Amino acid sequence: GSASASFAVDYPAPVLGAISPTSAQVGASSATITATGSNFVPASTIDWSGTPLTTSYVSATQLNATVPASDLAAAGSIAVTVATPAPGGGTSSAITFSVSAPPAAPATGGGGGGLGIFSLGALAALVAVEAMRRCRINCTDKAVKRICAR
């Protein structure tokens, strides 16, 4: 004789280890997120604040998804998770994706010259350019030099 049995296999709970990138600027046309972790299945999705993105399954350890421009229209912190449907499955812990405002344009002063504040990595330089001089600004990670013709 022979016997048969049926059983169900549950999807494993997804584990999200990292996302790349972790940020984008407000107004970006879109962003492609790569999620890495474990226990991903072809039915898993990358979720943006709880809403599934159109997701491509690469492997049990990698998923890709595109964040549309409409989700990058305002600054904020977004919870990114990986969700796998039942049977079994579940939602991973979240990793924060930051949507940040673009850098501010330099402030300019009145009169014939300009005054600007420019951010150069960790170095903020205040540069005053006088109306009648031609100046060159040399910036390094350690110093800012203004060299003006006389």
C-alpha atoms as a PDB file:
ATOM      1  CA  GLY A   1       0.000   0.000   0.000  1.00  0.00           C
ATOM      2  CA  SER A   2       0.797   3.611  -0.155  1.00  0.00           C
ATOM      3  CA  ALA A   3      -0.246   6.623   1.831  1.00  0.00           C
ATOM      4  CA  SER A   4      -0.364  10.280   1.055  1.00  0.00           C
ATOM      5  CA  ALA A   5      -0.287  13.321   3.269  1.00  0.00           C
ATOM      6  CA  SER A   6      -0.617  17.010   2.672  1.00  0.00           C
ATOM      7  CA  PHE A   7       1.019  19.751   4.604  1.00  0.00           C
ATOM      8  CA  ALA A   8       1.409  23.504   4.302  1.00  0.00           C
ATOM      9  CA  VAL A   9       4.711  25.280   4.199  1.00  0.00           C
ATOM     10  CA  ASP A  10       4.673  28.763   5.675  1.00  0.00           C
ATOM     11  CA  TYR A  11       6.763  31.594   4.295  1.00  0.00           C
ATOM     12  CA  PRO A  12       9.516  32.623   6.712  1.00  0.00           C
ATOM     13  CA  ALA A  13       9.345  36.028   8.406  1.00  0.00           C
ATOM     14  CA  PRO A  14      11.491  38.516   6.436  1.00  0.00           C
ATOM     15  CA  VAL A  15      14.539  40.054   8.101  1.00  0.00           C
ATOM     16  CA  LEU A  16      15.618  43.481   6.801  1.00  0.00           C
ATOM     17  CA  GLY A  17      19.311  44.152   7.427  1.00  0.00           C
ATOM     18  CA  ALA A  18      19.967  47.287   5.345  1.00  0.00           C
ATOM     19  CA  ILE A  19      18.647  49.542   2.606  1.00  0.00           C
ATOM     20  CA  SER A  20      20.626  51.498   0.055  1.00  0.00           C
ATOM     21  CA  PRO A  21      20.455  54.399  -0.400  1.00  0.00           C
ATOM     22  CA  THR A  22      19.037  55.654   2.911  1.00  0.00           C
ATOM     23  CA  SER A  23      18.143  59.145   1.681  1.00  0.00           C
ATOM     24  CA  ALA A  24      17.086  61.292  -1.264  1.00  0.00           C
ATOM     25  CA  GLN A  25      16.396  64.974  -1.856  1.00  0.00           C
ATOM     26  CA  VAL A  26      12.935  66.475  -2.072  1.00  0.00           C
ATOM     27  CA  GLY A  27      11.921  66.686  -5.721  1.00  0.00           C
ATOM     28  CA  ALA A  28      14.057  63.775  -6.943  1.00  0.00           C
ATOM     29  CA  SER A  29      12.528  62.136 -10.018  1.00  0.00           C
ATOM     30  CA  SER A  30      12.584  58.723  -8.295  1.00  0.00           C
ATOM     31  CA  ALA A  31      14.835  56.540  -6.154  1.00  0.00           C
ATOM     32  CA  THR A  32      15.676  52.862  -6.514  1.00  0.00           C
ATOM     33  CA  ILE A  33      16.001  51.149  -3.140  1.00  0.00           C
ATOM     34  CA  THR A  34      17.911  47.916  -2.643  1.00  0.00           C
ATOM     35  CA  ALA A  35      16.902  45.973   0.464  1.00  0.00           C
ATOM     36  CA  THR A  36      19.264  43.330   1.800  1.00  0.00           C
ATOM     37  CA  GLY A  37      18.519  40.825   4.513  1.00  0.00           C
ATOM     38  CA  SER A  38      17.223  37.270   4.667  1.00  0.00           C
ATOM     39  CA  ASN A  39      14.135  35.120   4.182  1.00  0.00           C
ATOM     40  CA  PHE A  40      12.871  37.088   1.163  1.00  0.00           C
ATOM     41  CA  VAL A  41      10.538  35.226  -1.218  1.00  0.00           C
ATOM     42  CA  PRO A  42       9.225  36.212  -4.672  1.00  0.00           C
ATOM     43  CA  ALA A  43       6.002  37.490  -3.042  1.00  0.00           C
ATOM     44  CA  SER A  44       7.884  39.823  -0.625  1.00  0.00           C
ATOM     45  CA  THR A  45       7.544  43.582  -1.112  1.00  0.00           C
ATOM     46  CA  ILE A  46       9.486  46.614   0.025  1.00  0.00           C
ATOM     47  CA  ASP A  47       6.939  48.763   1.863  1.00  0.00           C
ATOM     48  CA  TRP A  48       7.145  52.570   2.049  1.00  0.00           C
ATOM     49  CA  SER A  49       5.426  53.695   5.245  1.00  0.00           C
ATOM     50  CA  GLY A  50       3.246  50.573   5.041  1.00  0.00           C
ATOM     51  CA  THR A  51       2.419  50.888   1.326  1.00  0.00           C
ATOM     52  CA  PRO A  52       3.918  48.212  -0.965  1.00  0.00           C
ATOM     53  CA  LEU A  53       6.205  49.497  -3.714  1.00  0.00           C
ATOM     54  CA  THR A  54       6.509  47.687  -7.043  1.00  0.00           C
ATOM     55  CA  THR A  55       9.235  45.252  -6.030  1.00  0.00           C
ATOM     56  CA  SER A  56      11.648  43.035  -7.967  1.00  0.00           C
ATOM     57  CA  TYR A  57      12.766  39.815  -6.305  1.00  0.00           C
ATOM     58  CA  VAL A  58      16.505  39.288  -6.858  1.00  0.00           C
ATOM     59  CA  SER A  59      17.244  36.553  -4.318  1.00  0.00           C
ATOM     60  CA  ALA A  60      16.370  35.352  -0.816  1.00  0.00           C
ATOM     61  CA  THR A  61      18.689  38.125   0.412  1.00  0.00           C
ATOM     62  CA  GLN A  62      17.944  41.035  -1.986  1.00  0.00           C
ATOM     63  CA  LEU A  63      14.925  42.984  -3.272  1.00  0.00           C
ATOM     64  CA  ASN A  64      14.804  46.158  -5.406  1.00  0.00           C
ATOM     65  CA  ALA A  65      12.001  48.716  -5.636  1.00  0.00           C
ATOM     66  CA  THR A  66      11.485  52.141  -7.173  1.00  0.00           C
ATOM     67  CA  VAL A  67      10.163  54.979  -5.026  1.00  0.00           C
ATOM     68  CA  PRO A  68       8.066  57.236  -7.294  1.00  0.00           C
ATOM     69  CA  ALA A  69       8.630  61.003  -7.438  1.00  0.00           C
ATOM     70  CA  SER A  70       5.274  61.572  -5.697  1.00  0.00           C
ATOM     71  CA  ASP A  71       6.703  59.900  -2.564  1.00  0.00           C
ATOM     72  CA  LEU A  72       9.745  62.217  -2.672  1.00  0.00           C
ATOM     73  CA  ALA A  73       7.760  65.464  -2.884  1.00  0.00           C
ATOM     74  CA  ALA A  74       8.057  66.448   0.791  1.00  0.00           C
ATOM     75  CA  ALA A  75      10.782  66.220   3.437  1.00  0.00           C
ATOM     76  CA  GLY A  76      10.368  63.572   6.093  1.00  0.00           C
ATOM     77  CA  SER A  77      11.451  60.287   7.622  1.00  0.00           C
ATOM     78  CA  ILE A  78       9.870  57.185   6.138  1.00  0.00           C
ATOM     79  CA  ALA A  79       9.728  53.709   7.662  1.00  0.00           C
ATOM     80  CA  VAL A  80      10.910  51.163   5.090  1.00  0.00           C
ATOM     81  CA  THR A  81      10.053  47.516   5.782  1.00  0.00           C
ATOM     82  CA  VAL A  82       9.884  44.225   3.917  1.00  0.00           C
ATOM     83  CA  ALA A  83       6.546  42.399   4.014  1.00  0.00           C
ATOM     84  CA  THR A  84       5.860  38.793   3.095  1.00  0.00           C
ATOM     85  CA  PRO A  85       2.246  37.611   2.818  1.00  0.00           C
ATOM     86  CA  ALA A  86       0.625  34.615   4.528  1.00  0.00           C
ATOM     87  CA  PRO A  87       0.872  31.766   5.023  1.00  0.00           C
ATOM     88  CA  GLY A  88       3.471  32.649   7.621  1.00  0.00           C
ATOM     89  CA  GLY A  89       5.428  35.690   6.476  1.00  0.00           C
ATOM     90  CA  GLY A  90       5.041  38.978   8.321  1.00  0.00           C
ATOM     91  CA  THR A  91       6.690  42.377   8.325  1.00  0.00           C
ATOM     92  CA  SER A  92      10.326  43.091   9.129  1.00  0.00           C
ATOM     93  CA  SER A  93      11.556  45.739  11.513  1.00  0.00           C
ATOM     94  CA  ALA A  94      11.846  49.192   9.904  1.00  0.00           C
ATOM     95  CA  ILE A  95      14.836  51.146   8.631  1.00  0.00           C
ATOM     96  CA  THR A  96      14.426  54.908   8.221  1.00  0.00           C
ATOM     97  CA  PHE A  97      14.733  56.527   4.792  1.00  0.00           C
ATOM     98  CA  SER A  98      15.199  60.330   4.912  1.00  0.00           C
ATOM     99  CA  VAL A  99      13.786  62.700   2.312  1.00  0.00           C
ATOM    100  CA  SER A 100      15.634  65.984   2.833  1.00  0.00           C
ATOM    101  CA  ALA A 101      15.236  69.487   1.483  1.00  0.00           C
ATOM    102  CA  PRO A 102      17.836  70.480  -1.120  1.00  0.00           C
ATOM    103  CA  PRO A 103      20.645  72.781   0.059  1.00  0.00           C
ATOM    104  CA  ALA A 104      19.656  76.417   0.327  1.00  0.00           C
ATOM    105  CA  ALA A 105      20.893  78.800  -2.338  1.00  0.00           C
ATOM    106  CA  PRO A 106      23.595  81.175  -1.117  1.00  0.00           C
ATOM    107  CA  ALA A 107      22.368  84.322   0.571  1.00  0.00           C
ATOM    108  CA  THR A 108      23.417  87.482  -1.223  1.00  0.00           C
ATOM    109  CA  GLY A 109      23.869  90.940   0.193  1.00  0.00           C
ATOM    110  CA  GLY A 110      22.922  94.235  -1.395  1.00  0.00           C
ATOM    111  CA  GLY A 111      25.111  96.789  -3.121  1.00  0.00           C
ATOM    112  CA  GLY A 112      27.761  96.056  -5.712  1.00  0.00           C
ATOM    113  CA  GLY A 113      29.294  93.069  -3.942  1.00  0.00           C
ATOM    114  CA  GLY A 114      27.827  89.831  -2.773  1.00  0.00           C
ATOM    115  CA  LEU A 115      27.891  87.971   0.479  1.00  0.00           C
ATOM    116  CA  GLY A 116      27.399  84.237   0.405  1.00  0.00           C
ATOM    117  CA  ILE A 117      27.410  81.342   2.796  1.00  0.00           C
ATOM    118  CA  PHE A 118      28.345  78.072   1.148  1.00  0.00           C
ATOM    119  CA  SER A 119      28.404  74.663   2.785  1.00  0.00           C
ATOM    120  CA  LEU A 120      31.479  72.619   1.865  1.00  0.00           C
ATOM    121  CA  GLY A 121      31.008  69.336   3.655  1.00  0.00           C
ATOM    122  CA  ALA A 122      31.779  69.975   7.285  1.00  0.00           C
ATOM    123  CA  LEU A 123      33.325  73.343   6.457  1.00  0.00           C
ATOM    124  CA  ALA A 124      31.081  76.404   6.273  1.00  0.00           C
ATOM    125  CA  ALA A 125      32.804  79.363   4.660  1.00  0.00           C
ATOM    126  CA  LEU A 126      31.646  82.936   4.784  1.00  0.00           C
ATOM    127  CA  VAL A 127      32.854  84.647   1.653  1.00  0.00           C
ATOM    128  CA  ALA A 128      32.618  88.365   1.017  1.00  0.00           C
ATOM    129  CA  VAL A 129      33.377  89.551  -2.474  1.00  0.00           C
ATOM    130  CA  GLU A 130      33.980  93.235  -2.888  1.00  0.00           C
ATOM    131  CA  ALA A 131      32.638  95.153  -5.889  1.00  0.00           C
ATOM    132  CA  MET A 132      35.916  96.304  -7.478  1.00  0.00           C
ATOM    133  CA  ARG A 133      38.139  93.298  -6.861  1.00  0.00           C
ATOM    134  CA  ARG A 134      38.439  90.066  -8.756  1.00  0.00           C
ATOM    135  CA  CYS A 135      38.849  87.318  -6.206  1.00  0.00           C
ATOM    136  CA  ARG A 136      39.481  83.623  -6.380  1.00  0.00           C
ATOM    137  CA  ILE A 137      38.428  81.451  -3.482  1.00  0.00           C
ATOM    138  CA  ASN A 138      40.517  78.359  -2.740  1.00  0.00           C
ATOM    139  CA  CYS A 139      38.737  75.875  -0.486  1.00  0.00           C
ATOM    140  CA  THR A 140      40.135  72.711   1.046  1.00  0.00           C
ATOM    141  CA  ASP A 141      38.863  70.573   3.891  1.00  0.00           C
ATOM    142  CA  LYS A 142      41.133  72.559   6.227  1.00  0.00           C
ATOM    143  CA  ALA A 143      41.029  76.187   5.074  1.00  0.00           C
ATOM    144  CA  VAL A 144      39.422  78.815   2.900  1.00  0.00           C
ATOM    145  CA  LYS A 145      41.692  81.420   1.259  1.00  0.00           C
ATOM    146  CA  ARG A 146      40.588  84.482  -0.639  1.00  0.00           C
ATOM    147  CA  ILE A 147      43.112  85.662  -3.215  1.00  0.00           C
ATOM    148  CA  CYS A 148      42.281  89.041  -4.738  1.00  0.00           C
ATOM    149  CA  ALA A 149      43.960  90.913  -7.585  1.00  0.00           C
ATOM    150  CA  ARG A 150      45.047  94.440  -6.698  1.00  0.00           C
END
